[in-house]
Amino acid sequence: MKKNHIIALLIIAVVLILDSIAGIEFREMKIQEKIHPTKTLTKESSLSEYCTNLQGKSGDAKIYFFDSGNLGATVLVLGGTHPNETAGFISALVLIENMDIKQGRFIIIPQACSSGFTCTDPMEGTPQSFTIETNSGPRKFRFGSRVSNPLDQWPDPLVYSHYPSGQQLSGFETRNLNRSYPGRSNGSFTETVGFAIMELIRLEKVDVAID
């Protein structure tokens, strides 16, 4: 009997250790990467400025404004629409950290689907992060999910009916930012993010948007 108690205690201890490790890894997915804009940055904001329903939520992505003060076009660059496609986020990051603007304005959202950076896709075997060696040392970045975190929007419907087209898609696509436009202020979590981005385009009079 005593032996069984010892085995049970050992199993509990192992489970607690594994739970602690998993908990630490999950918490790390909430830690945002440090971004170092150039001195030409004129304003830093977030999507909740364009849709207050996002305030305090993980979809309230950061926005970086670079205004030359001279006449020219306004360009919006979206990175991280699909956080598991790392080139989009890294490209936006490189722009922010190397911007030298002479005319017009640049508006950059490096992590458009910021919710998706807080998780990975289940059963895909993808890493939680990756590291890039730079002149100033290694930099660690999260490898996220293709879609918004299910903790922010759940459950997925069997069939997702896109607003306003009515196009029917797989239920999983309801959390895909690229399938949410033009979005709705009172729609799903992901639709709200899409709506905020469209409001930014409208209110800031964006001439060219690059995703």
C-alpha atoms as a PDB file:
ATOM      1  CA  MET A   1       0.000   0.000   0.000  1.00  0.00           C
ATOM      2  CA  LYS A   2       2.827   2.360   0.928  1.00  0.00           C
ATOM      3  CA  LYS A   3       4.525   1.619  -2.382  1.00  0.00           C
ATOM      4  CA  ASN A   4       1.356   2.567  -4.279  1.00  0.00           C
ATOM      5  CA  HIS A   5       1.195   5.875  -2.413  1.00  0.00           C
ATOM      6  CA  ILE A   6       4.779   6.663  -3.369  1.00  0.00           C
ATOM      7  CA  ILE A   7       4.100   5.878  -7.032  1.00  0.00           C
ATOM      8  CA  ALA A   8       0.962   8.028  -6.966  1.00  0.00           C
ATOM      9  CA  LEU A   9       2.874  10.930  -5.424  1.00  0.00           C
ATOM     10  CA  LEU A  10       5.616  10.603  -8.041  1.00  0.00           C
ATOM     11  CA  ILE A  11       3.043  10.646 -10.843  1.00  0.00           C
ATOM     12  CA  ILE A  12       1.394  13.737  -9.366  1.00  0.00           C
ATOM     13  CA  ALA A  13       4.784  15.438  -9.061  1.00  0.00           C
ATOM     14  CA  VAL A  14       5.642  14.679 -12.693  1.00  0.00           C
ATOM     15  CA  VAL A  15       2.248  15.971 -13.858  1.00  0.00           C
ATOM     16  CA  LEU A  16       2.692  19.191 -11.870  1.00  0.00           C
ATOM     17  CA  ILE A  17       6.156  19.733 -13.341  1.00  0.00           C
ATOM     18  CA  LEU A  18       4.883  19.186 -16.885  1.00  0.00           C
ATOM     19  CA  ASP A  19       1.921  21.490 -16.232  1.00  0.00           C
ATOM     20  CA  SER A  20       4.280  24.183 -14.967  1.00  0.00           C
ATOM     21  CA  ILE A  21       6.483  23.904 -18.061  1.00  0.00           C
ATOM     22  CA  ALA A  22       3.446  24.064 -20.351  1.00  0.00           C
ATOM     23  CA  GLY A  23       2.091  27.048 -18.424  1.00  0.00           C
ATOM     24  CA  ILE A  24       5.351  28.941 -18.849  1.00  0.00           C
ATOM     25  CA  GLU A  25       5.338  28.228 -22.587  1.00  0.00           C
ATOM     26  CA  PHE A  26       1.733  29.406 -22.923  1.00  0.00           C
ATOM     27  CA  ARG A  27       2.522  32.608 -21.024  1.00  0.00           C
ATOM     28  CA  GLU A  28       5.488  33.283 -23.301  1.00  0.00           C
ATOM     29  CA  MET A  29       3.095  33.458 -26.250  1.00  0.00           C
ATOM     30  CA  LYS A  30       1.546  36.544 -24.628  1.00  0.00           C
ATOM     31  CA  ILE A  31       4.854  38.431 -24.505  1.00  0.00           C
ATOM     32  CA  GLN A  32       5.046  40.896 -27.383  1.00  0.00           C
ATOM     33  CA  GLU A  33       8.212  41.360 -29.358  1.00  0.00           C
ATOM     34  CA  LYS A  34      10.163  44.571 -28.853  1.00  0.00           C
ATOM     35  CA  ILE A  35      10.012  46.834 -31.886  1.00  0.00           C
ATOM     36  CA  HIS A  36      12.450  49.706 -32.302  1.00  0.00           C
ATOM     37  CA  PRO A  37      11.054  52.362 -34.685  1.00  0.00           C
ATOM     38  CA  THR A  38      13.334  54.927 -36.280  1.00  0.00           C
ATOM     39  CA  LYS A  39      13.290  58.566 -35.179  1.00  0.00           C
ATOM     40  CA  THR A  40      10.937  59.347 -38.055  1.00  0.00           C
ATOM     41  CA  LEU A  41       8.060  57.763 -36.093  1.00  0.00           C
ATOM     42  CA  THR A  42       5.464  60.483 -35.525  1.00  0.00           C
ATOM     43  CA  LYS A  43       2.700  58.586 -33.731  1.00  0.00           C
ATOM     44  CA  GLU A  44       1.961  55.227 -32.164  1.00  0.00           C
ATOM     45  CA  SER A  45      -1.625  54.094 -31.786  1.00  0.00           C
ATOM     46  CA  SER A  46      -3.779  50.961 -31.855  1.00  0.00           C
ATOM     47  CA  LEU A  47      -6.854  49.632 -33.644  1.00  0.00           C
ATOM     48  CA  SER A  48      -9.163  50.529 -30.758  1.00  0.00           C
ATOM     49  CA  GLU A  49      -8.813  54.148 -31.882  1.00  0.00           C
ATOM     50  CA  TYR A  50     -10.873  53.106 -34.905  1.00  0.00           C
ATOM     51  CA  CYS A  51     -13.179  50.646 -33.144  1.00  0.00           C
ATOM     52  CA  THR A  52     -13.588  51.042 -29.399  1.00  0.00           C
ATOM     53  CA  ASN A  53     -14.960  47.498 -29.082  1.00  0.00           C
ATOM     54  CA  LEU A  54     -11.361  46.275 -29.351  1.00  0.00           C
ATOM     55  CA  GLN A  55     -10.115  48.216 -26.353  1.00  0.00           C
ATOM     56  CA  GLY A  56      -8.389  45.964 -23.854  1.00  0.00           C
ATOM     57  CA  LYS A  57      -8.597  42.934 -26.144  1.00  0.00           C
ATOM     58  CA  SER A  58      -5.821  40.971 -27.823  1.00  0.00           C
ATOM     59  CA  GLY A  59      -7.053  42.178 -31.213  1.00  0.00           C
ATOM     60  CA  ASP A  60      -6.078  45.762 -30.397  1.00  0.00           C
ATOM     61  CA  ALA A  61      -3.025  45.708 -32.663  1.00  0.00           C
ATOM     62  CA  LYS A  62      -0.395  48.437 -32.521  1.00  0.00           C
ATOM     63  CA  ILE A  63      -0.159  50.970 -35.341  1.00  0.00           C
ATOM     64  CA  TYR A  64       2.950  52.963 -36.279  1.00  0.00           C
ATOM     65  CA  PHE A  65       2.634  56.270 -38.147  1.00  0.00           C
ATOM     66  CA  PHE A  66       5.440  57.860 -40.133  1.00  0.00           C
ATOM     67  CA  ASP A  67       4.523  61.301 -41.490  1.00  0.00           C
ATOM     68  CA  SER A  68       7.070  63.182 -43.573  1.00  0.00           C
ATOM     69  CA  GLY A  69       5.161  66.440 -43.272  1.00  0.00           C
ATOM     70  CA  ASN A  70       5.351  66.759 -47.049  1.00  0.00           C
ATOM     71  CA  LEU A  71       2.619  66.170 -49.593  1.00  0.00           C
ATOM     72  CA  GLY A  72       2.363  62.649 -50.923  1.00  0.00           C
ATOM     73  CA  ALA A  73       0.402  59.436 -50.783  1.00  0.00           C
ATOM     74  CA  THR A  74      -0.656  57.627 -47.620  1.00  0.00           C
ATOM     75  CA  VAL A  75       0.401  53.980 -47.671  1.00  0.00           C
ATOM     76  CA  LEU A  76      -0.833  51.317 -45.265  1.00  0.00           C
ATOM     77  CA  VAL A  77       1.271  48.184 -44.760  1.00  0.00           C
ATOM     78  CA  LEU A  78      -0.231  45.201 -42.949  1.00  0.00           C
ATOM     79  CA  GLY A  79       2.036  42.517 -41.560  1.00  0.00           C
ATOM     80  CA  GLY A  80       1.059  39.489 -39.548  1.00  0.00           C
ATOM     81  CA  THR A  81      -2.344  38.951 -41.115  1.00  0.00           C
ATOM     82  CA  HIS A  82      -1.471  35.269 -40.828  1.00  0.00           C
ATOM     83  CA  PRO A  83       0.987  35.014 -37.922  1.00  0.00           C
ATOM     84  CA  ASN A  84       2.241  31.628 -39.125  1.00  0.00           C
ATOM     85  CA  GLU A  85       3.477  33.304 -42.319  1.00  0.00           C
ATOM     86  CA  THR A  86       6.475  34.982 -40.772  1.00  0.00           C
ATOM     87  CA  ALA A  87       7.657  36.977 -43.789  1.00  0.00           C
ATOM     88  CA  GLY A  88       4.736  39.402 -43.514  1.00  0.00           C
ATOM     89  CA  PHE A  89       5.472  40.391 -39.928  1.00  0.00           C
ATOM     90  CA  ILE A  90       9.241  40.512 -40.422  1.00  0.00           C
ATOM     91  CA  SER A  91       8.860  42.679 -43.542  1.00  0.00           C
ATOM     92  CA  ALA A  92       6.724  45.171 -41.617  1.00  0.00           C
ATOM     93  CA  LEU A  93       9.211  45.089 -38.746  1.00  0.00           C
ATOM     94  CA  VAL A  94      12.105  45.849 -41.098  1.00  0.00           C
ATOM     95  CA  LEU A  95      10.179  48.817 -42.501  1.00  0.00           C
ATOM     96  CA  ILE A  96       9.452  50.211 -39.030  1.00  0.00           C
ATOM     97  CA  GLU A  97      13.046  49.853 -37.888  1.00  0.00           C
ATOM     98  CA  ASN A  98      14.576  51.301 -41.066  1.00  0.00           C
ATOM     99  CA  MET A  99      12.042  53.933 -42.121  1.00  0.00           C
ATOM    100  CA  ASP A 100      13.389  57.148 -43.626  1.00  0.00           C
ATOM    101  CA  ILE A 101      10.421  58.924 -45.161  1.00  0.00           C
ATOM    102  CA  LYS A 102      10.687  61.997 -47.395  1.00  0.00           C
ATOM    103  CA  GLN A 103       7.155  62.410 -48.751  1.00  0.00           C
ATOM    104  CA  GLY A 104       3.665  61.363 -47.745  1.00  0.00           C
ATOM    105  CA  ARG A 105       2.820  58.997 -44.908  1.00  0.00           C
ATOM    106  CA  PHE A 106       3.430  55.385 -44.001  1.00  0.00           C
ATOM    107  CA  ILE A 107       1.073  53.599 -41.611  1.00  0.00           C
ATOM    108  CA  ILE A 108       2.280  50.169 -40.538  1.00  0.00           C
ATOM    109  CA  ILE A 109       0.479  47.474 -38.550  1.00  0.00           C
ATOM    110  CA  PRO A 110       3.120  44.775 -38.044  1.00  0.00           C
ATOM    111  CA  GLN A 111       0.805  42.310 -36.278  1.00  0.00           C
ATOM    112  CA  ALA A 112      -2.605  42.851 -37.839  1.00  0.00           C
ATOM    113  CA  CYS A 113      -3.937  39.591 -36.403  1.00  0.00           C
ATOM    114  CA  SER A 114      -2.348  40.196 -33.017  1.00  0.00           C
ATOM    115  CA  SER A 115      -4.583  37.576 -31.407  1.00  0.00           C
ATOM    116  CA  GLY A 116      -3.115  34.903 -33.662  1.00  0.00           C
ATOM    117  CA  PHE A 117       0.356  35.598 -32.299  1.00  0.00           C
ATOM    118  CA  THR A 118      -0.737  34.300 -28.888  1.00  0.00           C
ATOM    119  CA  CYS A 119      -1.205  30.675 -29.979  1.00  0.00           C
ATOM    120  CA  THR A 120      -0.176  28.105 -32.553  1.00  0.00           C
ATOM    121  CA  ASP A 121      -2.305  25.896 -34.785  1.00  0.00           C
ATOM    122  CA  PRO A 122      -3.176  22.616 -33.042  1.00  0.00           C
ATOM    123  CA  MET A 123      -1.784  19.355 -34.433  1.00  0.00           C
ATOM    124  CA  GLU A 124       0.485  21.173 -36.901  1.00  0.00           C
ATOM    125  CA  GLY A 125       3.720  20.581 -35.016  1.00  0.00           C
ATOM    126  CA  THR A 126       4.889  24.154 -35.523  1.00  0.00           C
ATOM    127  CA  PRO A 127       7.390  25.831 -33.196  1.00  0.00           C
ATOM    128  CA  GLN A 128       6.257  28.501 -30.757  1.00  0.00           C
ATOM    129  CA  SER A 129       9.072  30.817 -31.758  1.00  0.00           C
ATOM    130  CA  PHE A 130      12.071  31.300 -34.007  1.00  0.00           C
ATOM    131  CA  THR A 131      15.287  33.268 -33.643  1.00  0.00           C
ATOM    132  CA  ILE A 132      17.074  35.523 -36.118  1.00  0.00           C
ATOM    133  CA  GLU A 133      20.721  36.425 -35.637  1.00  0.00           C
ATOM    134  CA  THR A 134      21.321  40.161 -36.061  1.00  0.00           C
ATOM    135  CA  ASN A 135      24.287  42.510 -35.690  1.00  0.00           C
ATOM    136  CA  SER A 136      23.019  43.436 -32.228  1.00  0.00           C
ATOM    137  CA  GLY A 137      22.492  39.822 -31.189  1.00  0.00           C
ATOM    138  CA  PRO A 138      19.774  37.172 -31.536  1.00  0.00           C
ATOM    139  CA  ARG A 139      16.132  38.266 -31.692  1.00  0.00           C
ATOM    140  CA  LYS A 140      13.299  35.929 -30.795  1.00  0.00           C
ATOM    141  CA  PHE A 141       9.902  36.104 -32.490  1.00  0.00           C
ATOM    142  CA  ARG A 142       6.678  34.200 -31.970  1.00  0.00           C
ATOM    143  CA  PHE A 143       5.434  31.768 -34.603  1.00  0.00           C
ATOM    144  CA  GLY A 144       1.685  32.132 -34.337  1.00  0.00           C
ATOM    145  CA  SER A 145      -1.479  30.678 -35.779  1.00  0.00           C
ATOM    146  CA  ARG A 146      -3.055  31.331 -39.157  1.00  0.00           C
ATOM    147  CA  VAL A 147      -6.184  32.623 -37.433  1.00  0.00           C
ATOM    148  CA  SER A 148      -7.338  34.362 -34.255  1.00  0.00           C
ATOM    149  CA  ASN A 149      -6.862  32.565 -30.961  1.00  0.00           C
ATOM    150  CA  PRO A 150      -9.909  30.379 -30.168  1.00  0.00           C
ATOM    151  CA  LEU A 151      -9.805  31.828 -26.649  1.00  0.00           C
ATOM    152  CA  ASP A 152     -10.862  35.115 -28.261  1.00  0.00           C
ATOM    153  CA  GLN A 153     -13.515  33.664 -30.576  1.00  0.00           C
ATOM    154  CA  TRP A 154     -15.216  30.332 -30.019  1.00  0.00           C
ATOM    155  CA  PRO A 155     -16.844  28.108 -31.101  1.00  0.00           C
ATOM    156  CA  ASP A 156     -16.319  27.952 -34.849  1.00  0.00           C
ATOM    157  CA  PRO A 157     -19.545  27.361 -36.776  1.00  0.00           C
ATOM    158  CA  LEU A 158     -19.848  24.348 -39.058  1.00  0.00           C
ATOM    159  CA  VAL A 159     -20.156  26.776 -41.972  1.00  0.00           C
ATOM    160  CA  TYR A 160     -18.958  30.377 -41.969  1.00  0.00           C
ATOM    161  CA  SER A 161     -21.177  32.759 -43.925  1.00  0.00           C
ATOM    162  CA  HIS A 162     -19.138  35.800 -44.911  1.00  0.00           C
ATOM    163  CA  TYR A 163     -20.662  39.220 -44.347  1.00  0.00           C
ATOM    164  CA  PRO A 164     -21.931  40.839 -46.532  1.00  0.00           C
ATOM    165  CA  SER A 165     -21.321  38.573 -49.547  1.00  0.00           C
ATOM    166  CA  GLY A 166     -22.967  35.503 -48.042  1.00  0.00           C
ATOM    167  CA  GLN A 167     -20.176  33.301 -49.400  1.00  0.00           C
ATOM    168  CA  GLN A 168     -20.039  30.072 -47.426  1.00  0.00           C
ATOM    169  CA  LEU A 169     -16.677  28.846 -46.181  1.00  0.00           C
ATOM    170  CA  SER A 170     -15.300  26.326 -43.736  1.00  0.00           C
ATOM    171  CA  GLY A 171     -16.191  27.234 -40.163  1.00  0.00           C
ATOM    172  CA  PHE A 172     -12.489  27.585 -39.360  1.00  0.00           C
ATOM    173  CA  GLU A 173     -12.348  30.598 -41.690  1.00  0.00           C
ATOM    174  CA  THR A 174     -14.513  32.623 -39.318  1.00  0.00           C
ATOM    175  CA  ARG A 175     -11.275  33.442 -37.444  1.00  0.00           C
ATOM    176  CA  ASN A 176      -9.288  34.239 -40.597  1.00  0.00           C
ATOM    177  CA  LEU A 177      -8.691  37.999 -40.784  1.00  0.00           C
ATOM    178  CA  ASN A 178      -8.417  37.881 -44.571  1.00  0.00           C
ATOM    179  CA  ARG A 179     -11.947  36.455 -44.704  1.00  0.00           C
ATOM    180  CA  SER A 180     -13.428  39.054 -42.361  1.00  0.00           C
ATOM    181  CA  TYR A 181     -13.382  42.237 -44.445  1.00  0.00           C
ATOM    182  CA  PRO A 182     -15.144  44.656 -44.514  1.00  0.00           C
ATOM    183  CA  GLY A 183     -15.975  43.489 -41.024  1.00  0.00           C
ATOM    184  CA  ARG A 184     -18.581  44.697 -38.552  1.00  0.00           C
ATOM    185  CA  SER A 185     -18.195  46.767 -35.408  1.00  0.00           C
ATOM    186  CA  ASN A 186     -20.659  44.475 -33.625  1.00  0.00           C
ATOM    187  CA  GLY A 187     -19.638  41.276 -35.383  1.00  0.00           C
ATOM    188  CA  SER A 188     -17.366  38.473 -34.277  1.00  0.00           C
ATOM    189  CA  PHE A 189     -13.991  39.199 -32.695  1.00  0.00           C
ATOM    190  CA  THR A 190     -12.180  38.821 -36.028  1.00  0.00           C
ATOM    191  CA  GLU A 191     -14.804  40.807 -37.924  1.00  0.00           C
ATOM    192  CA  THR A 192     -14.276  43.623 -35.427  1.00  0.00           C
ATOM    193  CA  VAL A 193     -10.550  43.653 -36.227  1.00  0.00           C
ATOM    194  CA  GLY A 194     -11.337  43.758 -39.940  1.00  0.00           C
ATOM    195  CA  PHE A 195     -13.795  46.596 -39.380  1.00  0.00           C
ATOM    196  CA  ALA A 196     -11.198  48.622 -37.441  1.00  0.00           C
ATOM    197  CA  ILE A 197      -8.677  48.251 -40.255  1.00  0.00           C
ATOM    198  CA  MET A 198     -11.254  49.357 -42.816  1.00  0.00           C
ATOM    199  CA  GLU A 199     -12.127  52.351 -40.627  1.00  0.00           C
ATOM    200  CA  LEU A 200      -8.453  53.260 -40.462  1.00  0.00           C
ATOM    201  CA  ILE A 201      -8.273  53.144 -44.264  1.00  0.00           C
ATOM    202  CA  ARG A 202     -11.348  55.362 -44.524  1.00  0.00           C
ATOM    203  CA  LEU A 203     -10.513  57.898 -41.832  1.00  0.00           C
ATOM    204  CA  GLU A 204      -6.817  58.207 -42.648  1.00  0.00           C
ATOM    205  CA  LYS A 205      -7.620  58.465 -46.371  1.00  0.00           C
ATOM    206  CA  VAL A 206      -5.233  55.669 -47.299  1.00  0.00           C
ATOM    207  CA  ASP A 207      -4.293  55.683 -50.987  1.00  0.00           C
ATOM    208  CA  VAL A 208      -2.587  52.296 -51.159  1.00  0.00           C
ATOM    209  CA  ALA A 209      -2.965  49.338 -48.799  1.00  0.00           C
ATOM    210  CA  ILE A 210      -0.471  46.470 -48.922  1.00  0.00           C
ATOM    211  CA  ASP A 211      -1.163  43.204 -47.134  1.00  0.00           C
END
